[in-house]
Amino acid sequence: MNLVGADLSYVDLLGADLSLANLSGANLAGANLSEANLEGAYLWNANLLGAKLDFAIMPDDTINDHSHGDDSDDDSDDDSSDNEI
């Protein structure tokens, strides 16, 4: 199922079978995806802000979040070490 870029914001998708669906770039903000089957769905850059995912079938590897670089574990302070007085 091809739903690339679809606006599904606030849509009630309770129990929907979205397995293997291509939802890349889709807007699912506020959507009800409770009990939905998202197994194997492609959700790259999908907006899931506020979406309800209660009891949704969604394996851990469905969403691969590489969209932001969190450098919070980096304890080095490169800016200060480059300054010479």
N, C-alpha and C. Protein backbone atom coordinates (compact mmCIF):
# COMPACT_ATOMS: atom_id res chain seq x y z
N MET A 1 0.85 -1.18 0.00
CA MET A 1 0.00 0.00 0.00
C MET A 1 0.90 1.24 0.00
N ASN A 2 0.70 2.13 -0.92
CA ASN A 2 1.53 3.32 -1.06
C ASN A 2 0.79 4.53 -0.49
N LEU A 3 1.25 5.01 0.66
CA LEU A 3 0.67 6.19 1.30
C LEU A 3 1.74 7.25 1.53
N VAL A 4 2.71 7.32 0.64
CA VAL A 4 3.80 8.27 0.75
C VAL A 4 3.25 9.69 0.80
N GLY A 5 3.62 10.43 1.85
CA GLY A 5 3.22 11.82 1.98
C GLY A 5 1.75 12.05 2.28
N ALA A 6 1.00 11.01 2.57
CA ALA A 6 -0.44 11.15 2.82
C ALA A 6 -0.71 11.95 4.09
N ASP A 7 -1.75 12.74 4.08
CA ASP A 7 -2.17 13.47 5.28
C ASP A 7 -3.25 12.64 5.98
N LEU A 8 -2.83 11.91 6.98
CA LEU A 8 -3.73 11.07 7.77
C LEU A 8 -3.84 11.61 9.19
N SER A 9 -3.59 12.90 9.34
CA SER A 9 -3.63 13.50 10.68
C SER A 9 -5.04 13.40 11.26
N TYR A 10 -5.08 12.96 12.49
CA TYR A 10 -6.32 12.83 13.28
C TYR A 10 -7.33 11.84 12.68
N VAL A 11 -6.87 10.95 11.79
CA VAL A 11 -7.74 9.93 11.22
C VAL A 11 -7.83 8.76 12.19
N ASP A 12 -9.00 8.16 12.31
CA ASP A 12 -9.19 6.99 13.17
C ASP A 12 -8.85 5.74 12.37
N LEU A 13 -7.68 5.16 12.66
CA LEU A 13 -7.21 3.97 11.98
C LEU A 13 -7.18 2.78 12.95
N LEU A 14 -8.09 2.78 13.89
CA LEU A 14 -8.18 1.72 14.89
C LEU A 14 -8.23 0.35 14.22
N GLY A 15 -7.25 -0.50 14.53
CA GLY A 15 -7.23 -1.86 14.01
C GLY A 15 -6.90 -1.99 12.53
N ALA A 16 -6.45 -0.91 11.90
CA ALA A 16 -6.15 -0.95 10.46
C ALA A 16 -4.97 -1.87 10.16
N ASP A 17 -5.02 -2.54 9.03
CA ASP A 17 -3.90 -3.36 8.58
C ASP A 17 -3.03 -2.53 7.65
N LEU A 18 -1.97 -1.99 8.22
CA LEU A 18 -1.03 -1.17 7.46
C LEU A 18 0.30 -1.90 7.31
N SER A 19 0.27 -3.22 7.44
CA SER A 19 1.49 -4.01 7.32
C SER A 19 2.08 -3.82 5.92
N LEU A 20 3.38 -3.59 5.91
CA LEU A 20 4.15 -3.38 4.68
C LEU A 20 3.77 -2.11 3.93
N ALA A 21 2.98 -1.24 4.53
CA ALA A 21 2.60 0.02 3.87
C ALA A 21 3.79 0.98 3.82
N ASN A 22 3.87 1.73 2.74
CA ASN A 22 4.89 2.77 2.63
C ASN A 22 4.26 4.08 3.10
N LEU A 23 4.60 4.47 4.34
CA LEU A 23 4.07 5.69 4.95
C LEU A 23 5.16 6.75 5.09
N SER A 24 6.20 6.66 4.28
CA SER A 24 7.29 7.63 4.41
C SER A 24 6.77 9.03 4.12
N GLY A 25 7.11 9.95 5.01
CA GLY A 25 6.69 11.34 4.87
C GLY A 25 5.22 11.58 5.17
N ALA A 26 4.51 10.57 5.60
CA ALA A 26 3.08 10.73 5.89
C ALA A 26 2.87 11.51 7.18
N ASN A 27 1.79 12.25 7.24
CA ASN A 27 1.43 12.99 8.45
C ASN A 27 0.40 12.17 9.22
N LEU A 28 0.83 11.56 10.32
CA LEU A 28 -0.03 10.75 11.17
C LEU A 28 -0.22 11.41 12.52
N ALA A 29 0.03 12.72 12.59
CA ALA A 29 -0.09 13.45 13.86
C ALA A 29 -1.50 13.32 14.41
N GLY A 30 -1.60 12.88 15.65
CA GLY A 30 -2.89 12.77 16.31
C GLY A 30 -3.75 11.62 15.83
N ALA A 31 -3.25 10.81 14.90
CA ALA A 31 -4.04 9.69 14.37
C ALA A 31 -4.20 8.60 15.43
N ASN A 32 -5.30 7.89 15.36
CA ASN A 32 -5.53 6.76 16.26
C ASN A 32 -5.09 5.49 15.54
N LEU A 33 -3.90 4.99 15.92
CA LEU A 33 -3.35 3.78 15.34
C LEU A 33 -3.42 2.63 16.34
N SER A 34 -4.26 2.77 17.34
CA SER A 34 -4.40 1.72 18.35
C SER A 34 -4.81 0.41 17.68
N GLU A 35 -4.15 -0.66 18.08
CA GLU A 35 -4.40 -2.01 17.58
C GLU A 35 -4.14 -2.17 16.08
N ALA A 36 -3.52 -1.17 15.46
CA ALA A 36 -3.20 -1.26 14.03
C ALA A 36 -2.00 -2.19 13.83
N ASN A 37 -1.96 -2.83 12.67
CA ASN A 37 -0.83 -3.68 12.32
C ASN A 37 0.12 -2.87 11.44
N LEU A 38 1.26 -2.48 12.01
CA LEU A 38 2.27 -1.71 11.28
C LEU A 38 3.52 -2.54 11.02
N GLU A 39 3.38 -3.86 11.13
CA GLU A 39 4.53 -4.73 10.96
C GLU A 39 5.10 -4.56 9.56
N GLY A 40 6.38 -4.20 9.50
CA GLY A 40 7.05 -4.03 8.22
C GLY A 40 6.73 -2.73 7.51
N ALA A 41 5.94 -1.87 8.13
CA ALA A 41 5.61 -0.58 7.50
C ALA A 41 6.85 0.30 7.43
N TYR A 42 6.94 1.08 6.39
CA TYR A 42 8.06 2.00 6.19
C TYR A 42 7.60 3.38 6.62
N LEU A 43 8.20 3.87 7.74
CA LEU A 43 7.74 5.12 8.36
C LEU A 43 8.81 6.21 8.35
N TRP A 44 9.73 6.16 7.41
CA TRP A 44 10.81 7.15 7.37
C TRP A 44 10.24 8.56 7.20
N ASN A 45 10.60 9.46 8.10
CA ASN A 45 10.15 10.85 8.11
C ASN A 45 8.65 11.02 8.29
N ALA A 46 7.97 10.00 8.78
CA ALA A 46 6.55 10.14 9.08
C ALA A 46 6.38 10.92 10.37
N ASN A 47 5.35 11.75 10.43
CA ASN A 47 5.06 12.53 11.63
C ASN A 47 4.07 11.75 12.49
N LEU A 48 4.54 11.26 13.64
CA LEU A 48 3.70 10.49 14.55
C LEU A 48 3.43 11.27 15.84
N LEU A 49 3.64 12.57 15.81
CA LEU A 49 3.46 13.40 17.00
C LEU A 49 2.03 13.30 17.51
N GLY A 50 1.86 12.82 18.71
CA GLY A 50 0.55 12.72 19.33
C GLY A 50 -0.30 11.56 18.84
N ALA A 51 0.28 10.70 18.00
CA ALA A 51 -0.47 9.54 17.51
C ALA A 51 -0.68 8.53 18.64
N LYS A 52 -1.83 7.88 18.65
CA LYS A 52 -2.13 6.85 19.64
C LYS A 52 -1.72 5.51 19.07
N LEU A 53 -0.83 4.81 19.77
CA LEU A 53 -0.29 3.54 19.30
C LEU A 53 -0.56 2.42 20.30
N ASP A 54 -1.62 2.54 21.10
CA ASP A 54 -1.93 1.54 22.11
C ASP A 54 -2.17 0.19 21.45
N PHE A 55 -1.39 -0.80 21.88
CA PHE A 55 -1.52 -2.18 21.41
C PHE A 55 -1.30 -2.33 19.91
N ALA A 56 -0.64 -1.37 19.30
CA ALA A 56 -0.31 -1.49 17.87
C ALA A 56 0.77 -2.55 17.69
N ILE A 57 0.69 -3.29 16.61
CA ILE A 57 1.72 -4.27 16.29
C ILE A 57 2.79 -3.55 15.50
N MET A 58 3.91 -3.28 16.18
CA MET A 58 4.97 -2.52 15.56
C MET A 58 6.30 -2.99 16.12
N PRO A 59 7.02 -3.84 15.41
CA PRO A 59 8.32 -4.31 15.89
C PRO A 59 9.28 -3.16 16.13
N ASP A 60 10.24 -3.39 17.01
CA ASP A 60 11.21 -2.35 17.36
C ASP A 60 11.94 -1.78 16.16
N ASP A 61 12.17 -2.58 15.14
CA ASP A 61 12.93 -2.09 14.00
C ASP A 61 12.08 -1.40 12.94
N THR A 62 10.79 -1.17 13.22
CA THR A 62 9.94 -0.49 12.24
C THR A 62 10.36 0.96 12.06
N ILE A 63 10.66 1.63 13.17
CA ILE A 63 11.08 3.02 13.09
C ILE A 63 12.57 3.10 13.37
N ASN A 64 13.32 3.52 12.38
CA ASN A 64 14.75 3.74 12.55
C ASN A 64 14.96 5.24 12.55
N ASP A 65 15.19 5.80 13.72
CA ASP A 65 15.29 7.26 13.83
C ASP A 65 16.72 7.71 13.64
N HIS A 66 17.02 8.12 12.43
CA HIS A 66 18.32 8.69 12.11
C HIS A 66 18.16 10.15 11.72
N SER A 67 17.02 10.73 12.06
CA SER A 67 16.72 12.07 11.58
C SER A 67 17.37 13.18 12.40
N HIS A 68 17.81 12.85 13.61
CA HIS A 68 18.48 13.88 14.40
C HIS A 68 19.74 13.33 15.00
N GLY A 69 20.76 14.14 15.05
CA GLY A 69 22.02 13.73 15.65
C GLY A 69 22.07 14.17 17.09
N ASP A 70 21.94 13.25 18.01
CA ASP A 70 21.99 13.57 19.43
C ASP A 70 23.41 13.34 19.91
N ASP A 71 24.14 14.41 20.13
CA ASP A 71 25.52 14.32 20.57
C ASP A 71 25.63 14.47 22.07
N SER A 72 24.58 14.17 22.81
CA SER A 72 24.58 14.38 24.26
C SER A 72 25.59 13.48 24.96
N ASP A 73 26.02 12.37 24.34
CA ASP A 73 27.00 11.49 24.95
C ASP A 73 28.42 11.97 24.71
N ASP A 74 28.59 12.96 23.87
CA ASP A 74 29.90 13.47 23.53
C ASP A 74 30.34 14.46 24.59
N ASP A 75 31.34 14.06 25.40
CA ASP A 75 31.79 14.90 26.51
C ASP A 75 32.92 15.84 26.12
N SER A 76 33.41 15.74 24.90
CA SER A 76 34.52 16.60 24.50
C SER A 76 34.03 18.01 24.19
N ASP A 77 34.88 18.96 24.42
CA ASP A 77 34.59 20.36 24.14
C ASP A 77 35.57 20.83 23.10
N ASP A 78 35.29 20.53 21.85
CA ASP A 78 36.21 20.82 20.76
C ASP A 78 36.42 22.30 20.55
N ASP A 79 35.43 23.13 20.82
CA ASP A 79 35.54 24.57 20.57
C ASP A 79 36.62 25.19 21.45
N SER A 80 36.68 24.84 22.72
CA SER A 80 37.63 25.47 23.62
C SER A 80 39.05 24.95 23.41
N SER A 81 39.20 23.71 22.94
CA SER A 81 40.53 23.15 22.76
C SER A 81 41.24 23.73 21.53
N ASP A 82 40.50 24.32 20.61
CA ASP A 82 41.10 24.89 19.40
C ASP A 82 41.58 26.33 19.60
N ASN A 83 41.17 26.94 20.70
CA ASN A 83 41.55 28.34 20.95
C ASN A 83 42.94 28.42 21.57
N GLU A 84 43.77 29.29 20.98
CA GLU A 84 45.10 29.52 21.54
C GLU A 84 45.15 30.96 22.04
N ILE A 85 45.84 31.14 23.18
CA ILE A 85 45.95 32.49 23.75
C ILE A 85 47.37 32.97 23.64
